[in-house]
Amino acid sequence: MTPVLTQQHSLAHAPRIRDDMTVEVALSLMAGARVDHLVLCDEDDQSTGLITLARLTVLRDAPAYTDRVRLRDLPEG
């Protein structure tokens, strides 16, 4: 299996979360599902991106972080 297929397979089975959920909800879901990434979806359940545990951890540790930050409000990166 090629790395590209492995990555697509991994994303196909990754938990999906709506982009209007908070960072705290995403972190909780990741912990419960024991995964290091989630597929972001819009209100039409269309995939819009990927969010990683590493990115959310850095964000949560930032001085300006609050528990009300929604995934759709995260800066690109």
N, C-alpha and C. Protein backbone atom coordinates (compact mmCIF):
# COMPACT_ATOMS: atom_id res chain seq x y z
N MET A 1 0.85 -1.18 0.00
CA MET A 1 0.00 0.00 0.00
C MET A 1 0.89 1.24 0.00
N THR A 2 0.56 2.20 -0.81
CA THR A 2 1.35 3.43 -0.89
C THR A 2 0.99 4.35 0.26
N PRO A 3 1.88 5.27 0.63
CA PRO A 3 1.57 6.21 1.70
C PRO A 3 0.31 7.04 1.42
N VAL A 4 0.08 7.39 0.17
CA VAL A 4 -1.10 8.19 -0.16
C VAL A 4 -2.37 7.40 0.16
N LEU A 5 -2.41 6.14 -0.22
CA LEU A 5 -3.58 5.32 0.08
C LEU A 5 -3.75 5.13 1.58
N THR A 6 -2.65 4.98 2.29
CA THR A 6 -2.72 4.83 3.74
C THR A 6 -3.31 6.09 4.36
N GLN A 7 -2.89 7.25 3.90
CA GLN A 7 -3.40 8.49 4.45
C GLN A 7 -4.89 8.63 4.13
N GLN A 8 -5.31 8.33 2.92
CA GLN A 8 -6.72 8.42 2.57
C GLN A 8 -7.54 7.44 3.39
N HIS A 9 -7.02 6.26 3.60
CA HIS A 9 -7.73 5.26 4.41
C HIS A 9 -7.90 5.79 5.83
N SER A 10 -6.83 6.39 6.35
CA SER A 10 -6.87 6.94 7.70
C SER A 10 -7.92 8.04 7.82
N LEU A 11 -8.00 8.91 6.83
CA LEU A 11 -8.97 10.00 6.87
C LEU A 11 -10.39 9.50 6.71
N ALA A 12 -10.56 8.45 5.94
CA ALA A 12 -11.90 7.91 5.74
C ALA A 12 -12.50 7.38 7.03
N HIS A 13 -11.65 6.94 7.95
CA HIS A 13 -12.13 6.37 9.20
C HIS A 13 -11.94 7.31 10.38
N ALA A 14 -11.47 8.51 10.14
CA ALA A 14 -11.29 9.47 11.22
C ALA A 14 -12.65 10.01 11.65
N PRO A 15 -12.81 10.25 12.95
CA PRO A 15 -14.06 10.87 13.40
C PRO A 15 -14.26 12.23 12.74
N ARG A 16 -15.51 12.55 12.50
CA ARG A 16 -15.87 13.82 11.88
C ARG A 16 -16.49 14.72 12.94
N ILE A 17 -16.21 16.01 12.83
CA ILE A 17 -16.75 16.98 13.78
C ILE A 17 -17.13 18.23 13.02
N ARG A 18 -18.24 18.82 13.42
CA ARG A 18 -18.67 20.07 12.77
C ARG A 18 -17.78 21.21 13.20
N ASP A 19 -17.58 22.14 12.29
CA ASP A 19 -16.69 23.26 12.57
C ASP A 19 -17.25 24.28 13.53
N ASP A 20 -18.52 24.12 13.95
CA ASP A 20 -19.07 25.03 14.95
C ASP A 20 -18.86 24.53 16.38
N MET A 21 -18.21 23.38 16.53
CA MET A 21 -17.89 22.86 17.85
C MET A 21 -16.68 23.60 18.42
N THR A 22 -16.56 23.59 19.74
CA THR A 22 -15.44 24.27 20.38
C THR A 22 -14.20 23.40 20.38
N VAL A 23 -13.09 24.03 20.63
CA VAL A 23 -11.82 23.32 20.75
C VAL A 23 -11.92 22.28 21.87
N GLU A 24 -12.56 22.64 22.96
CA GLU A 24 -12.70 21.71 24.09
C GLU A 24 -13.47 20.46 23.70
N VAL A 25 -14.53 20.61 22.91
CA VAL A 25 -15.29 19.46 22.45
C VAL A 25 -14.42 18.59 21.55
N ALA A 26 -13.66 19.21 20.66
CA ALA A 26 -12.78 18.46 19.76
C ALA A 26 -11.73 17.69 20.55
N LEU A 27 -11.13 18.32 21.54
CA LEU A 27 -10.13 17.64 22.36
C LEU A 27 -10.74 16.48 23.13
N SER A 28 -11.94 16.66 23.63
CA SER A 28 -12.62 15.59 24.34
C SER A 28 -12.93 14.42 23.42
N LEU A 29 -13.40 14.73 22.22
CA LEU A 29 -13.69 13.68 21.24
C LEU A 29 -12.42 12.91 20.86
N MET A 30 -11.33 13.63 20.66
CA MET A 30 -10.07 12.97 20.32
C MET A 30 -9.62 12.04 21.44
N ALA A 31 -9.75 12.50 22.68
CA ALA A 31 -9.35 11.66 23.81
C ALA A 31 -10.23 10.41 23.90
N GLY A 32 -11.52 10.59 23.74
CA GLY A 32 -12.44 9.46 23.82
C GLY A 32 -12.26 8.46 22.70
N ALA A 33 -11.97 8.96 21.50
CA ALA A 33 -11.79 8.09 20.34
C ALA A 33 -10.35 7.60 20.21
N ARG A 34 -9.47 8.17 21.02
CA ARG A 34 -8.04 7.83 20.98
C ARG A 34 -7.45 8.02 19.58
N VAL A 35 -7.69 9.21 19.05
CA VAL A 35 -7.16 9.58 17.74
C VAL A 35 -6.37 10.87 17.86
N ASP A 36 -5.56 11.16 16.86
CA ASP A 36 -4.77 12.38 16.88
C ASP A 36 -5.21 13.39 15.83
N HIS A 37 -6.34 13.13 15.18
CA HIS A 37 -6.88 14.09 14.21
C HIS A 37 -8.37 13.85 14.01
N LEU A 38 -9.03 14.88 13.54
CA LEU A 38 -10.46 14.84 13.22
C LEU A 38 -10.68 15.48 11.87
N VAL A 39 -11.71 15.03 11.17
CA VAL A 39 -12.10 15.64 9.91
C VAL A 39 -13.12 16.73 10.24
N LEU A 40 -12.86 17.95 9.80
CA LEU A 40 -13.79 19.06 10.00
C LEU A 40 -14.85 19.06 8.91
N CYS A 41 -16.10 19.31 9.30
CA CYS A 41 -17.21 19.36 8.35
C CYS A 41 -17.99 20.65 8.55
N ASP A 42 -18.57 21.13 7.45
CA ASP A 42 -19.42 22.32 7.54
C ASP A 42 -20.86 21.91 7.87
N GLU A 43 -21.76 22.88 7.84
CA GLU A 43 -23.16 22.61 8.19
C GLU A 43 -23.86 21.65 7.23
N ASP A 44 -23.28 21.45 6.04
CA ASP A 44 -23.83 20.51 5.06
C ASP A 44 -23.15 19.14 5.13
N ASP A 45 -22.35 18.93 6.18
CA ASP A 45 -21.60 17.70 6.41
C ASP A 45 -20.59 17.42 5.31
N GLN A 46 -20.08 18.48 4.70
CA GLN A 46 -19.03 18.37 3.69
C GLN A 46 -17.68 18.58 4.37
N SER A 47 -16.72 17.73 4.08
CA SER A 47 -15.39 17.87 4.67
C SER A 47 -14.76 19.19 4.24
N THR A 48 -14.23 19.91 5.23
CA THR A 48 -13.60 21.19 4.94
C THR A 48 -12.14 21.23 5.35
N GLY A 49 -11.68 20.21 6.04
CA GLY A 49 -10.29 20.20 6.47
C GLY A 49 -10.03 19.15 7.52
N LEU A 50 -8.88 19.27 8.11
CA LEU A 50 -8.41 18.33 9.11
C LEU A 50 -7.86 19.12 10.28
N ILE A 51 -8.12 18.68 11.47
CA ILE A 51 -7.56 19.33 12.66
C ILE A 51 -6.81 18.28 13.46
N THR A 52 -5.62 18.64 13.92
CA THR A 52 -4.78 17.68 14.64
C THR A 52 -4.73 18.01 16.13
N LEU A 53 -4.43 16.99 16.89
CA LEU A 53 -4.27 17.14 18.32
C LEU A 53 -3.13 18.10 18.63
N ALA A 54 -2.05 17.99 17.88
CA ALA A 54 -0.90 18.87 18.11
C ALA A 54 -1.29 20.34 17.93
N ARG A 55 -2.04 20.63 16.90
CA ARG A 55 -2.45 22.03 16.65
C ARG A 55 -3.37 22.55 17.76
N LEU A 56 -4.31 21.71 18.18
CA LEU A 56 -5.24 22.14 19.23
C LEU A 56 -4.52 22.31 20.57
N THR A 57 -3.54 21.48 20.83
CA THR A 57 -2.78 21.58 22.08
C THR A 57 -2.00 22.89 22.13
N VAL A 58 -1.36 23.25 21.02
CA VAL A 58 -0.63 24.52 20.96
C VAL A 58 -1.59 25.68 21.15
N LEU A 59 -2.73 25.63 20.49
CA LEU A 59 -3.73 26.69 20.62
C LEU A 59 -4.23 26.81 22.05
N ARG A 60 -4.55 25.68 22.67
CA ARG A 60 -5.08 25.70 24.04
C ARG A 60 -4.07 26.28 25.02
N ASP A 61 -2.79 26.11 24.75
CA ASP A 61 -1.75 26.61 25.65
C ASP A 61 -1.40 28.08 25.40
N ALA A 62 -1.99 28.70 24.39
CA ALA A 62 -1.72 30.11 24.07
C ALA A 62 -2.39 31.02 25.10
N PRO A 63 -1.78 32.14 25.41
CA PRO A 63 -2.34 33.06 26.41
C PRO A 63 -3.73 33.62 26.06
N ALA A 64 -4.02 33.78 24.79
CA ALA A 64 -5.30 34.37 24.38
C ALA A 64 -6.43 33.34 24.29
N TYR A 65 -6.16 32.08 24.58
CA TYR A 65 -7.15 31.02 24.42
C TYR A 65 -8.28 31.14 25.46
N THR A 66 -9.50 30.90 25.01
CA THR A 66 -10.64 30.73 25.91
C THR A 66 -11.37 29.46 25.51
N ASP A 67 -12.18 28.93 26.41
CA ASP A 67 -12.88 27.67 26.11
C ASP A 67 -14.07 27.87 25.18
N ARG A 68 -14.24 29.06 24.67
CA ARG A 68 -15.34 29.35 23.74
C ARG A 68 -14.90 29.42 22.28
N VAL A 69 -13.63 29.19 22.02
CA VAL A 69 -13.11 29.26 20.65
C VAL A 69 -13.68 28.09 19.84
N ARG A 70 -14.28 28.43 18.71
CA ARG A 70 -14.86 27.42 17.83
C ARG A 70 -13.84 27.03 16.74
N LEU A 71 -13.95 25.83 16.28
CA LEU A 71 -13.00 25.34 15.28
C LEU A 71 -13.02 26.19 14.02
N ARG A 72 -14.17 26.69 13.61
CA ARG A 72 -14.24 27.51 12.39
C ARG A 72 -13.54 28.85 12.55
N ASP A 73 -13.28 29.26 13.79
CA ASP A 73 -12.63 30.53 14.04
C ASP A 73 -11.11 30.43 14.13
N LEU A 74 -10.57 29.23 14.00
CA LEU A 74 -9.13 29.05 14.08
C LEU A 74 -8.48 29.64 12.84
N PRO A 75 -7.33 30.26 13.02
CA PRO A 75 -6.61 30.76 11.85
C PRO A 75 -6.11 29.60 11.00
N GLU A 76 -5.98 29.83 9.71
CA GLU A 76 -5.45 28.81 8.81
C GLU A 76 -4.05 28.48 9.25
N GLY A 77 -3.69 27.21 9.06
CA GLY A 77 -2.31 26.89 9.42
C GLY A 77 -2.05 25.50 9.66
